[in-house]
Protein backbone atom coordinates (compact mmCIF):
# COMPACT_ATOMS: atom_id res chain seq x y z
CA MET A 1 -103.36 -60.59 156.76
CA LYS A 2 -100.78 -59.87 154.05
CA VAL A 3 -97.43 -58.57 155.30
CA GLY A 4 -94.44 -57.60 153.17
CA ILE A 5 -90.77 -57.45 154.11
CA LEU A 6 -88.43 -55.18 152.18
CA GLY A 7 -85.10 -57.02 152.06
CA GLY A 8 -84.39 -60.72 151.99
CA GLY A 9 -81.23 -61.16 154.07
CA GLN A 10 -80.74 -63.09 157.31
CA LEU A 11 -82.94 -60.73 159.34
CA GLY A 12 -85.81 -61.34 156.93
CA ARG A 13 -85.10 -65.06 157.12
CA MET A 14 -85.40 -65.14 160.93
CA LEU A 15 -88.47 -62.91 160.80
CA LEU A 16 -90.11 -65.44 158.47
CA GLN A 17 -89.14 -68.33 160.75
CA ALA A 18 -91.09 -66.59 163.54
CA ALA A 19 -94.01 -65.88 161.18
CA ALA A 20 -94.66 -69.61 160.91
CA ASN A 21 -96.35 -69.43 164.33
CA TYR A 22 -99.05 -67.06 163.04
CA VAL A 23 -101.73 -66.97 160.38
CA VAL A 24 -100.11 -64.48 158.02
CA GLU A 25 -99.37 -64.43 154.29
CA THR A 26 -95.80 -63.26 153.76
CA PHE A 27 -94.23 -61.37 150.85
CA VAL A 28 -90.53 -60.54 150.35
CA MET A 29 -88.88 -58.21 147.86
CA GLU A 30 -85.15 -58.45 147.15
CA ASN A 31 -83.05 -58.20 143.99
CA ASP A 32 -81.52 -61.66 144.52
CA GLU A 33 -83.85 -64.65 144.13
CA HIS A 34 -81.30 -66.80 146.02
CA CYS A 35 -81.24 -64.54 149.10
CA PRO A 36 -81.54 -66.15 152.58
CA ALA A 37 -85.26 -65.32 152.94
CA ALA A 38 -86.44 -66.22 149.42
CA HIS A 39 -87.64 -69.79 150.02
CA LEU A 40 -89.30 -69.15 153.40
CA CYS A 41 -91.95 -66.62 152.31
CA HIS A 42 -95.24 -67.37 150.58
CA HIS A 43 -94.49 -64.92 147.75
CA PHE A 44 -91.12 -63.69 146.50
CA VAL A 45 -90.84 -60.61 144.28
CA LYS A 46 -87.55 -59.79 142.61
CA GLY A 47 -87.01 -56.04 142.73
CA ASP A 48 -84.94 -53.12 143.95
CA ILE A 49 -86.04 -51.94 147.41
CA LYS A 50 -84.54 -48.50 146.61
CA ASP A 51 -86.74 -48.03 143.52
CA PHE A 52 -89.97 -46.05 143.96
CA ASP A 53 -92.08 -47.99 141.44
CA ALA A 54 -90.82 -51.38 142.62
CA VAL A 55 -91.60 -50.63 146.29
CA TYR A 56 -94.95 -49.01 145.55
CA ASN A 57 -96.14 -51.85 143.29
CA PHE A 58 -94.94 -54.42 145.82
CA GLY A 59 -96.80 -52.79 148.69
CA LYS A 60 -100.11 -51.57 147.27
CA GLY A 61 -101.92 -54.89 147.77
CA LEU A 62 -100.59 -55.50 151.28
CA ASP A 63 -101.97 -54.79 154.74
CA ALA A 64 -98.61 -54.00 156.33
CA ILE A 65 -94.91 -53.67 155.46
CA THR A 66 -91.72 -53.82 157.50
CA ILE A 67 -88.05 -53.49 156.60
CA GLU A 68 -84.90 -55.44 157.34
CA ILE A 69 -82.55 -52.66 156.20
CA GLU A 70 -82.91 -48.86 156.22
CA ALA A 71 -81.82 -48.35 152.60
CA VAL A 72 -85.35 -48.42 151.18
CA ASN A 73 -87.38 -45.98 149.08
CA VAL A 74 -89.09 -43.91 151.78
CA GLU A 75 -91.12 -41.85 149.28
CA ALA A 76 -92.89 -45.01 148.06
CA LEU A 77 -93.60 -46.01 151.67
CA GLU A 78 -95.05 -42.55 152.36
CA LYS A 79 -97.43 -42.92 149.40
CA LEU A 80 -98.45 -46.42 150.53
CA GLU A 81 -99.02 -45.13 154.07
CA SER A 82 -101.26 -42.35 152.72
CA GLU A 83 -103.29 -45.05 150.93
CA GLY A 84 -103.85 -47.06 154.12
CA VAL A 85 -100.99 -49.55 154.19
CA LYS A 86 -99.49 -49.79 157.69
CA ILE A 87 -95.72 -49.34 157.69
CA TYR A 88 -93.57 -50.58 160.61
CA PRO A 89 -91.82 -48.38 161.50
CA LYS A 90 -93.47 -45.31 159.99
CA PRO A 91 -91.70 -43.75 156.97
CA SER A 92 -91.14 -40.63 159.09
CA ALA A 93 -88.99 -42.66 161.51
CA ILE A 94 -87.08 -44.42 158.70
CA LYS A 95 -86.38 -41.05 157.05
CA ILE A 96 -84.83 -39.67 160.26
CA ILE A 97 -82.72 -42.74 160.96
CA LYS A 98 -81.50 -43.75 157.48
CA ASN A 99 -79.32 -40.62 157.23
CA LYS A 100 -76.80 -40.23 160.05
CA ILE A 101 -76.93 -36.42 159.71
CA THR A 102 -80.70 -36.19 160.29
CA GLN A 103 -80.37 -38.88 162.98
CA LYS A 104 -77.83 -36.82 164.94
CA GLU A 105 -79.89 -33.63 164.49
CA PHE A 106 -82.92 -35.53 165.83
CA TYR A 107 -80.99 -36.49 168.98
CA ARG A 108 -79.96 -32.88 169.52
CA ALA A 109 -83.48 -31.52 168.96
CA ASN A 110 -85.00 -34.04 171.38
CA GLU A 111 -82.27 -33.74 174.04
CA ILE A 112 -81.14 -37.34 173.60
CA PRO A 113 -77.56 -37.60 174.97
CA SER A 114 -75.19 -38.36 172.08
CA PRO A 115 -71.53 -37.56 171.27
CA ASP A 116 -70.91 -34.00 170.06
CA PHE A 117 -70.70 -33.66 166.27
CA ARG A 118 -70.08 -31.47 163.26
CA ILE A 119 -71.49 -31.87 159.74
CA THR A 120 -69.16 -31.93 156.74
CA ASN A 121 -70.33 -31.82 153.13
CA ASN A 122 -66.96 -32.57 151.51
CA LEU A 123 -63.32 -33.30 152.30
CA GLY A 124 -62.35 -29.63 152.21
CA GLU A 125 -64.63 -28.76 155.12
CA LEU A 126 -62.68 -31.09 157.41
CA ASN A 127 -59.88 -28.50 157.51
CA TYR A 128 -62.16 -26.24 159.57
CA HIS A 129 -62.54 -28.95 162.22
CA ALA A 130 -58.95 -30.08 162.86
CA SER A 131 -59.24 -28.91 166.50
CA PHE A 132 -62.28 -31.20 166.94
CA LEU A 133 -60.14 -34.34 166.52
CA PRO A 134 -59.89 -37.16 167.47
CA ALA A 135 -63.24 -37.96 165.91
CA VAL A 136 -65.13 -40.55 163.89
CA HIS A 137 -66.22 -39.69 160.34
CA LYS A 138 -69.52 -41.37 159.41
CA LEU A 139 -71.00 -41.33 155.93
CA GLY A 140 -74.46 -39.74 155.93
CA GLU A 141 -76.04 -42.55 153.90
CA GLY A 142 -74.91 -45.91 152.61
CA GLY A 143 -72.72 -47.16 155.46
CA TYR A 144 -73.35 -50.52 157.15
CA ASP A 145 -71.50 -53.10 159.28
CA GLY A 146 -68.48 -50.88 159.87
CA LYS A 147 -68.34 -49.67 156.25
CA GLY A 148 -68.72 -45.92 155.85
CA VAL A 149 -66.89 -45.22 159.13
CA GLN A 150 -63.35 -43.84 159.49
CA ILE A 151 -61.43 -42.93 162.65
CA LEU A 152 -59.60 -39.60 162.27
CA LYS A 153 -57.00 -39.06 165.00
CA THR A 154 -55.07 -36.22 163.33
CA ASP A 155 -55.39 -34.14 160.16
CA LYS A 156 -53.05 -36.65 158.48
CA ASP A 157 -56.01 -39.05 158.50
CA PHE A 158 -58.18 -36.70 156.40
CA LYS A 159 -57.22 -38.63 153.25
CA LYS A 160 -59.27 -41.59 154.62
CA ALA A 161 -62.36 -39.42 155.14
CA PHE A 162 -65.46 -39.04 152.94
CA ASP A 163 -65.84 -36.45 150.18
CA GLU A 164 -69.61 -36.34 150.57
CA PRO A 165 -72.09 -35.38 153.33
CA ALA A 166 -71.05 -36.97 156.61
CA VAL A 167 -71.05 -36.61 160.39
CA LEU A 168 -67.82 -35.85 162.24
CA GLU A 169 -68.48 -37.25 165.70
CA LYS A 170 -66.30 -36.60 168.75
CA MET A 171 -64.51 -39.78 169.83
CA VAL A 172 -65.74 -41.14 173.16
CA ASN A 173 -63.56 -42.94 175.71
CA ILE A 174 -65.75 -46.05 175.66
CA TYR A 175 -65.92 -48.47 178.58
CA LYS A 176 -68.67 -50.62 177.13
CA GLU A 177 -71.03 -50.55 174.16
CA ILE A 178 -74.51 -51.88 174.78
CA ALA A 179 -77.67 -52.25 172.71
CA ILE A 180 -81.24 -52.03 173.94
CA ILE A 181 -84.09 -53.23 171.74
CA VAL A 182 -87.31 -51.31 172.34
CA ALA A 183 -90.73 -52.39 171.07
CA MET A 184 -93.66 -50.01 170.65
CA ASN A 185 -97.13 -50.99 169.45
CA ASP A 186 -99.85 -48.96 167.74
CA LYS A 187 -101.25 -47.93 171.15
CA GLY A 188 -97.91 -46.42 172.19
CA GLU A 189 -97.26 -49.19 174.73
CA THR A 190 -93.58 -50.08 175.08
CA ALA A 191 -91.42 -52.98 176.18
CA PHE A 192 -87.66 -53.36 176.10
CA PHE A 193 -85.27 -56.28 176.07
CA PRO A 194 -82.48 -56.39 178.66
CA PRO A 195 -79.37 -54.63 177.31
CA SER A 196 -76.73 -56.65 175.48
CA GLU A 197 -73.04 -55.86 175.72
CA MET A 198 -71.31 -55.86 172.35
CA ILE A 199 -67.67 -56.86 171.95
CA PHE A 200 -66.22 -55.85 168.58
CA ASP A 201 -63.59 -57.26 166.25
CA GLN A 202 -61.24 -54.25 166.12
CA VAL A 203 -59.87 -55.24 162.69
CA LEU A 204 -63.16 -55.74 160.83
CA ASN A 205 -65.15 -53.31 163.05
CA LEU A 206 -67.87 -55.98 163.19
CA LEU A 207 -69.64 -57.49 166.19
CA ASP A 208 -67.37 -60.29 167.42
CA TYR A 209 -69.55 -61.67 170.20
CA GLN A 210 -71.94 -60.31 172.78
CA LEU A 211 -73.28 -61.02 176.24
CA SER A 212 -76.80 -60.50 177.52
CA PRO A 213 -77.97 -59.20 179.93
CA ALA A 214 -75.10 -56.71 180.04
CA GLN A 215 -73.21 -56.55 183.33
CA LEU A 216 -73.38 -52.92 184.41
CA PRO A 217 -74.33 -51.03 187.58
CA ASP A 218 -78.10 -50.61 188.01
CA SER A 219 -77.75 -46.82 187.87
CA VAL A 220 -76.19 -47.06 184.39
CA LEU A 221 -78.77 -49.58 183.15
CA TRP A 222 -81.67 -47.46 184.39
CA LYS A 223 -80.23 -44.38 182.69
CA ALA A 224 -79.70 -46.28 179.41
CA GLU A 225 -83.21 -47.76 179.49
CA ALA A 226 -84.78 -44.35 180.17
CA ILE A 227 -82.87 -42.76 177.27
CA ALA A 228 -83.83 -45.60 174.87
CA ILE A 229 -87.53 -45.31 175.77
CA LYS A 230 -87.43 -41.51 175.43
CA LEU A 231 -85.82 -41.83 171.98
CA VAL A 232 -88.41 -44.29 170.66
CA LYS A 233 -91.31 -42.25 172.02
CA ALA A 234 -89.84 -39.16 170.30
CA LEU A 235 -89.82 -41.07 166.98
CA ASN A 236 -93.57 -41.53 167.56
CA SER A 237 -93.77 -44.75 165.59
CA PRO A 238 -94.76 -48.34 166.31
CA GLY A 239 -92.13 -50.93 165.49
CA LEU A 240 -88.93 -52.39 166.83
CA PHE A 241 -85.86 -50.21 167.44
CA ALA A 242 -82.31 -51.19 168.41
CA VAL A 243 -80.65 -48.36 170.31
CA GLU A 244 -76.84 -48.64 170.43
CA ILE A 245 -75.35 -46.87 173.45
CA PHE A 246 -71.84 -45.94 174.62
CA VAL A 247 -71.00 -46.10 178.32
CA ASP A 248 -67.89 -44.03 179.10
CA LYS A 249 -64.88 -45.11 181.18
CA ASN A 250 -66.21 -43.56 184.38
CA ASN A 251 -69.67 -45.17 184.11
CA SER A 252 -71.00 -41.62 184.36
CA GLU A 253 -72.05 -40.79 180.81
CA VAL A 254 -74.51 -42.77 178.71
CA LEU A 255 -74.56 -41.63 175.07
CA VAL A 256 -76.60 -42.87 172.11
CA ASN A 257 -74.39 -43.97 169.23
CA GLU A 258 -76.94 -44.99 166.59
CA THR A 259 -80.44 -46.40 166.23
CA ALA A 260 -81.68 -49.10 163.85
CA PRO A 261 -85.45 -49.04 163.01
CA ARG A 262 -85.77 -52.82 162.70
CA VAL A 263 -84.83 -56.21 164.07
CA HIS A 264 -81.09 -56.18 164.72
CA ASN A 265 -78.06 -58.43 165.02
CA SER A 266 -77.73 -57.43 168.69
CA GLY A 267 -81.02 -59.28 169.31
CA HIS A 268 -80.33 -62.64 167.67
CA HIS A 269 -79.88 -64.27 171.09
CA THR A 270 -83.51 -63.59 172.00
CA ILE A 271 -84.60 -66.57 169.86
CA GLU A 272 -83.31 -69.02 172.48
CA GLY A 273 -82.37 -66.71 175.35
CA ASN A 274 -85.63 -64.83 176.01
CA TYR A 275 -89.26 -65.84 176.45
CA CYS A 276 -90.25 -63.67 173.47
CA SER A 277 -87.75 -63.15 170.65
CA GLN A 278 -87.29 -59.81 168.87
CA TYR A 279 -88.73 -61.43 165.74
CA ASP A 280 -91.84 -62.71 167.50
CA MET A 281 -92.22 -59.27 169.10
CA LEU A 282 -92.34 -57.52 165.73
CA TRP A 283 -95.03 -59.93 164.50
CA ARG A 284 -97.06 -59.24 167.66
CA ILE A 285 -96.83 -55.52 166.90
CA MET A 286 -97.79 -55.85 163.22
CA LEU A 287 -100.63 -58.31 163.88
CA GLY A 288 -102.05 -56.33 166.80
CA TYR A 289 -101.31 -58.88 169.54
CA PRO A 290 -100.11 -58.07 173.10
CA LEU A 291 -96.43 -57.28 173.53
CA GLY A 292 -94.40 -60.33 174.59
CA ASN A 293 -92.39 -61.15 177.71
CA THR A 294 -88.83 -59.86 177.17
CA ASP A 295 -87.33 -61.47 180.30
CA PRO A 296 -84.26 -63.67 179.75
CA ILE A 297 -84.70 -67.40 180.26
CA LEU A 298 -80.95 -67.61 180.89
CA PRO A 299 -78.01 -65.31 180.19
CA SER A 300 -76.79 -65.75 176.62
CA SER A 301 -74.00 -65.01 174.20
CA ILE A 302 -73.80 -64.69 170.44
CA VAL A 303 -70.84 -65.44 168.17
CA ASN A 304 -70.98 -64.22 164.58
CA ILE A 305 -69.92 -66.77 161.94
CA LEU A 306 -67.90 -64.75 159.44
CA GLY A 307 -66.22 -65.75 156.20
CA SER A 308 -62.57 -66.59 156.95
CA GLU A 309 -59.70 -64.55 155.54
CA GLY A 310 -58.27 -65.97 152.33
CA TYR A 311 -61.41 -67.83 151.25
CA THR A 312 -63.82 -66.77 148.50
CA GLY A 313 -66.25 -69.11 146.78
CA GLU A 314 -68.66 -71.89 147.70
CA ALA A 315 -69.04 -71.98 151.49
CA LYS A 316 -67.91 -74.92 153.60
CA TYR A 317 -68.18 -75.04 157.40
CA ASP A 318 -65.06 -76.44 159.04
CA GLY A 319 -65.58 -77.46 162.69
CA LEU A 320 -69.39 -77.46 162.51
CA ASP A 321 -69.74 -81.00 163.89
CA GLU A 322 -67.64 -80.11 166.94
CA VAL A 323 -69.76 -77.03 167.70
CA LEU A 324 -73.03 -78.94 167.27
CA LYS A 325 -71.86 -81.44 169.93
CA MET A 326 -71.66 -78.67 172.57
CA ASP A 327 -74.42 -78.38 175.18
CA ASN A 328 -76.77 -75.37 175.12
CA VAL A 329 -75.33 -74.14 171.84
CA PHE A 330 -77.60 -73.23 168.90
CA VAL A 331 -76.25 -72.82 165.36
CA HIS A 332 -77.98 -70.59 162.82
CA LEU A 333 -76.67 -70.74 159.26
CA TYR A 334 -78.11 -68.10 156.93
CA GLY A 335 -78.17 -70.22 153.78
CA LYS A 336 -75.65 -68.10 151.88
CA THR A 337 -73.92 -70.38 149.40
CA GLN A 338 -70.98 -68.07 148.67
CA THR A 339 -68.44 -66.92 151.25
CA LYS A 340 -65.91 -64.08 151.24
CA PRO A 341 -63.71 -62.64 154.01
CA GLY A 342 -65.78 -61.00 156.75
CA ARG A 343 -69.17 -61.88 155.25
CA LYS A 344 -71.86 -62.73 157.81
CA MET A 345 -72.67 -66.39 157.20
CA GLY A 346 -74.49 -67.22 160.43
CA HIS A 347 -74.37 -66.95 164.19
CA VAL A 348 -74.20 -69.23 167.21
CA THR A 349 -76.15 -68.61 170.42
CA ILE A 350 -74.95 -69.97 173.76
CA ILE A 351 -77.07 -70.01 176.93
CA SER A 352 -75.77 -70.62 180.46
CA LYS A 353 -76.28 -69.53 184.07
CA GLU A 354 -72.55 -68.69 184.21
CA TYR A 355 -71.10 -65.70 182.37
CA ASN A 356 -67.64 -67.31 182.50
CA GLU A 357 -69.00 -70.28 180.55
CA LEU A 358 -70.61 -67.96 177.98
CA THR A 359 -67.31 -66.18 177.36
CA PHE A 360 -65.29 -69.42 177.31
CA LYS A 361 -67.62 -71.09 174.80
CA ALA A 362 -67.80 -67.94 172.66
CA HIS A 363 -64.02 -67.94 172.26
CA LYS A 364 -63.91 -71.70 171.71
CA ILE A 365 -66.56 -71.52 168.96
CA LYS A 366 -64.80 -68.56 167.33
CA ASN A 367 -61.60 -70.60 167.16
CA THR A 368 -63.33 -73.84 166.09
CA LEU A 369 -65.90 -72.93 163.45
CA LYS A 370 -64.42 -71.53 160.23
CA VAL A 371 -66.12 -70.71 156.94
CA ILE A 372 -63.84 -71.76 154.12
CA SER A 373 -64.26 -72.65 150.45
């Protein structure tokens, strides 16, 4: 079977590492021949995943295609799908999710609980919604990893907002943010990974570290799981979906923040922490095998390895030896040769029976391992 991946970053890299367990011929398209996934696939094609002709020509000889980022040419995928190529997830699901405006409208139409919102097409329209503040302004398309998001507390913050189509989303008094990864196969059968709790770096607005399974009351977990399954079934597409959810301060409201139609950074820990990883799960779906066992082997934590402030250039890993000496700690470097402040360079997974140990080691690793140049 010939399977293509659009995008060659770290998610594609880890997807290819899992592919080694199966009989599958892998193809990757990315515009950088030195990307993290380039040397792990059978066939690398240099090209723009946003370009119709590039995507169509890449995919027309393949059996199936998946994505590692939403910013792909959906029209080319629709044509390939009409010609018999299986796309995971379906282009219809990618089209809904890749634009935050259509994503929010989808939640509303399908009665998926989500923060209230308004749509703005330009900066001027924000003046009509001053009474809606405080709110979060999210760029319709093109945002990622905290980019394309601005917090607007008063109308004085409007100068930070976006002068193009965007979602103005009511700010939620968040107690915890969790992510649930849901798998659905071609038969419509589903499985979900235990929720992960995400702790964010407030300065960079990037995932700092996370804990899994999330520690929440059963009633909240059941509600979150039910909403995530309902959402994926409404998308009506096989594939893997990461559903990011807000839990409010009173543990009473569970609201969907965003959905990613692919393997996700909130599921990195599943490589060592769960019987079936998110990457193995996606291969099972694409190759037509039974869904895997999502149970945790042990509780786990992830620490992102980010480029340190003040360093740009060839990457060096200060403190790596010390981290590699720690028990039940697993280092994943993404193979990026160049670092810059805040760039994702890798992650570290920690497993332990004790949540206190997970948190302690997460902080220790964060303070020990630095990417410099």
